[in-house]
Amino acid sequence: MDTWIIVLIVIAVLVVLAVLLVGGRRARDRQLESRRTEANELRSEAAERAHQAEEREKLAEEAADRARHDREAAEVRTRRADELDPDVDT
């Protein structure tokens, strides 16, 4: 086999290896970027859900405060009714 054919084969193998290496890096870079994008979307979704949960907690606390106030008002009215009712021993 002539020397120039061997050199040509070696060069072709090196070119193929370089193409595979560059292609592999690009594929890995695309995969990493895809994973970064997905992670950012998940973070955004998590932040939105956390905000919604905080809003629901705030509303629940306000409702609980109103319920406590209503219960206390009802107890005051019950005590007043017991004081007025001659059939109830106080």
C-alpha atoms as a PDB file:
ATOM      1  CA  MET A   1       0.000   0.000   0.000  1.00  0.00           C
ATOM      2  CA  ASP A   2       1.340   3.417  -0.881  1.00  0.00           C
ATOM      3  CA  THR A   3       2.273   5.851   1.851  1.00  0.00           C
ATOM      4  CA  TRP A   4      -0.072   8.551   0.603  1.00  0.00           C
ATOM      5  CA  ILE A   5      -3.059   6.155   0.955  1.00  0.00           C
ATOM      6  CA  ILE A   6      -2.108   5.396   4.555  1.00  0.00           C
ATOM      7  CA  VAL A   7      -1.762   9.141   5.263  1.00  0.00           C
ATOM      8  CA  LEU A   8      -5.136   9.745   3.613  1.00  0.00           C
ATOM      9  CA  ILE A   9      -6.773   7.007   5.730  1.00  0.00           C
ATOM     10  CA  VAL A  10      -5.227   8.416   8.924  1.00  0.00           C
ATOM     11  CA  ILE A  11      -6.435  11.926   8.034  1.00  0.00           C
ATOM     12  CA  ALA A  12      -9.921  10.593   7.275  1.00  0.00           C
ATOM     13  CA  VAL A  13     -10.026   8.764  10.625  1.00  0.00           C
ATOM     14  CA  LEU A  14      -8.912  11.927  12.429  1.00  0.00           C
ATOM     15  CA  VAL A  15     -11.564  13.994  10.648  1.00  0.00           C
ATOM     16  CA  VAL A  16     -14.261  11.451  11.548  1.00  0.00           C
ATOM     17  CA  LEU A  17     -13.105  11.441  15.187  1.00  0.00           C
ATOM     18  CA  ALA A  18     -13.120  15.258  15.277  1.00  0.00           C
ATOM     19  CA  VAL A  19     -16.627  15.377  13.809  1.00  0.00           C
ATOM     20  CA  LEU A  20     -17.848  12.836  16.363  1.00  0.00           C
ATOM     21  CA  LEU A  21     -16.197  14.759  19.190  1.00  0.00           C
ATOM     22  CA  VAL A  22     -17.698  18.104  18.124  1.00  0.00           C
ATOM     23  CA  GLY A  23     -21.098  16.504  17.534  1.00  0.00           C
ATOM     24  CA  GLY A  24     -21.004  14.851  20.934  1.00  0.00           C
ATOM     25  CA  ARG A  25     -20.156  18.131  22.644  1.00  0.00           C
ATOM     26  CA  ARG A  26     -22.946  19.942  20.836  1.00  0.00           C
ATOM     27  CA  ALA A  27     -25.443  17.250  21.796  1.00  0.00           C
ATOM     28  CA  ARG A  28     -24.306  17.451  25.410  1.00  0.00           C
ATOM     29  CA  ASP A  29     -24.555  21.255  25.342  1.00  0.00           C
ATOM     30  CA  ARG A  30     -28.099  21.055  23.930  1.00  0.00           C
ATOM     31  CA  GLN A  31     -29.045  18.544  26.611  1.00  0.00           C
ATOM     32  CA  LEU A  32     -27.587  20.740  29.364  1.00  0.00           C
ATOM     33  CA  GLU A  33     -29.424  23.791  28.041  1.00  0.00           C
ATOM     34  CA  SER A  34     -32.642  21.801  27.882  1.00  0.00           C
ATOM     35  CA  ARG A  35     -32.171  20.697  31.487  1.00  0.00           C
ATOM     36  CA  ARG A  36     -31.439  24.292  32.556  1.00  0.00           C
ATOM     37  CA  THR A  37     -34.602  25.483  30.845  1.00  0.00           C
ATOM     38  CA  GLU A  38     -36.662  22.773  32.513  1.00  0.00           C
ATOM     39  CA  ALA A  39     -35.124  23.585  35.910  1.00  0.00           C
ATOM     40  CA  ASN A  40     -35.954  27.277  35.467  1.00  0.00           C
ATOM     41  CA  GLU A  41     -39.533  26.430  34.545  1.00  0.00           C
ATOM     42  CA  LEU A  42     -39.834  24.214  37.612  1.00  0.00           C
ATOM     43  CA  ARG A  43     -38.421  26.982  39.820  1.00  0.00           C
ATOM     44  CA  SER A  44     -40.899  29.482  38.391  1.00  0.00           C
ATOM     45  CA  GLU A  45     -43.772  27.076  38.940  1.00  0.00           C
ATOM     46  CA  ALA A  46     -42.615  26.368  42.495  1.00  0.00           C
ATOM     47  CA  ALA A  47     -42.380  30.092  43.261  1.00  0.00           C
ATOM     48  CA  GLU A  48     -45.896  30.648  41.910  1.00  0.00           C
ATOM     49  CA  ARG A  49     -47.277  27.771  43.962  1.00  0.00           C
ATOM     50  CA  ALA A  50     -45.515  29.065  47.076  1.00  0.00           C
ATOM     51  CA  HIS A  51     -47.053  32.491  46.502  1.00  0.00           C
ATOM     52  CA  GLN A  52     -50.513  30.969  46.054  1.00  0.00           C
ATOM     53  CA  ALA A  53     -50.062  28.903  49.217  1.00  0.00           C
ATOM     54  CA  GLU A  54     -49.073  32.011  51.177  1.00  0.00           C
ATOM     55  CA  GLU A  55     -52.184  33.800  49.914  1.00  0.00           C
ATOM     56  CA  ARG A  56     -54.393  30.856  50.907  1.00  0.00           C
ATOM     57  CA  GLU A  57     -52.733  30.735  54.345  1.00  0.00           C
ATOM     58  CA  LYS A  58     -53.380  34.451  54.809  1.00  0.00           C
ATOM     59  CA  LEU A  59     -57.041  34.018  53.849  1.00  0.00           C
ATOM     60  CA  ALA A  60     -57.360  31.032  56.184  1.00  0.00           C
ATOM     61  CA  GLU A  61     -55.858  33.000  59.076  1.00  0.00           C
ATOM     62  CA  GLU A  62     -58.260  35.875  58.433  1.00  0.00           C
ATOM     63  CA  ALA A  63     -61.194  33.443  58.349  1.00  0.00           C
ATOM     64  CA  ALA A  64     -60.020  31.843  61.595  1.00  0.00           C
ATOM     65  CA  ASP A  65     -59.758  35.274  63.226  1.00  0.00           C
ATOM     66  CA  ARG A  66     -63.289  36.124  62.111  1.00  0.00           C
ATOM     67  CA  ALA A  67     -64.540  32.777  63.413  1.00  0.00           C
ATOM     68  CA  ARG A  68     -62.885  33.374  66.815  1.00  0.00           C
ATOM     69  CA  HIS A  69     -64.416  36.835  66.981  1.00  0.00           C
ATOM     70  CA  ASP A  70     -67.861  35.464  66.057  1.00  0.00           C
ATOM     71  CA  ARG A  71     -67.511  32.701  68.662  1.00  0.00           C
ATOM     72  CA  GLU A  72     -66.555  35.219  71.351  1.00  0.00           C
ATOM     73  CA  ALA A  73     -69.515  37.424  70.394  1.00  0.00           C
ATOM     74  CA  ALA A  74     -71.814  34.405  70.573  1.00  0.00           C
ATOM     75  CA  GLU A  75     -70.481  33.507  74.032  1.00  0.00           C
ATOM     76  CA  VAL A  76     -71.075  37.070  75.224  1.00  0.00           C
ATOM     77  CA  ARG A  77     -74.631  36.927  73.920  1.00  0.00           C
ATOM     78  CA  THR A  78     -75.162  33.530  75.538  1.00  0.00           C
ATOM     79  CA  ARG A  79     -73.929  34.856  78.900  1.00  0.00           C
ATOM     80  CA  ARG A  80     -76.180  37.897  78.550  1.00  0.00           C
ATOM     81  CA  ALA A  81     -79.147  35.682  77.688  1.00  0.00           C
ATOM     82  CA  ASP A  82     -78.387  33.497  80.720  1.00  0.00           C
ATOM     83  CA  GLU A  83     -78.308  36.594  82.916  1.00  0.00           C
ATOM     84  CA  LEU A  84     -81.695  37.729  81.601  1.00  0.00           C
ATOM     85  CA  ASP A  85     -83.385  34.324  81.687  1.00  0.00           C
ATOM     86  CA  PRO A  86     -85.048  33.758  85.073  1.00  0.00           C
ATOM     87  CA  ASP A  87     -85.005  29.985  84.546  1.00  0.00           C
ATOM     88  CA  VAL A  88     -81.188  29.792  84.328  1.00  0.00           C
ATOM     89  CA  ASP A  89     -79.095  29.699  87.472  1.00  0.00           C
ATOM     90  CA  THR A  90     -76.006  31.833  87.088  1.00  0.00           C
END
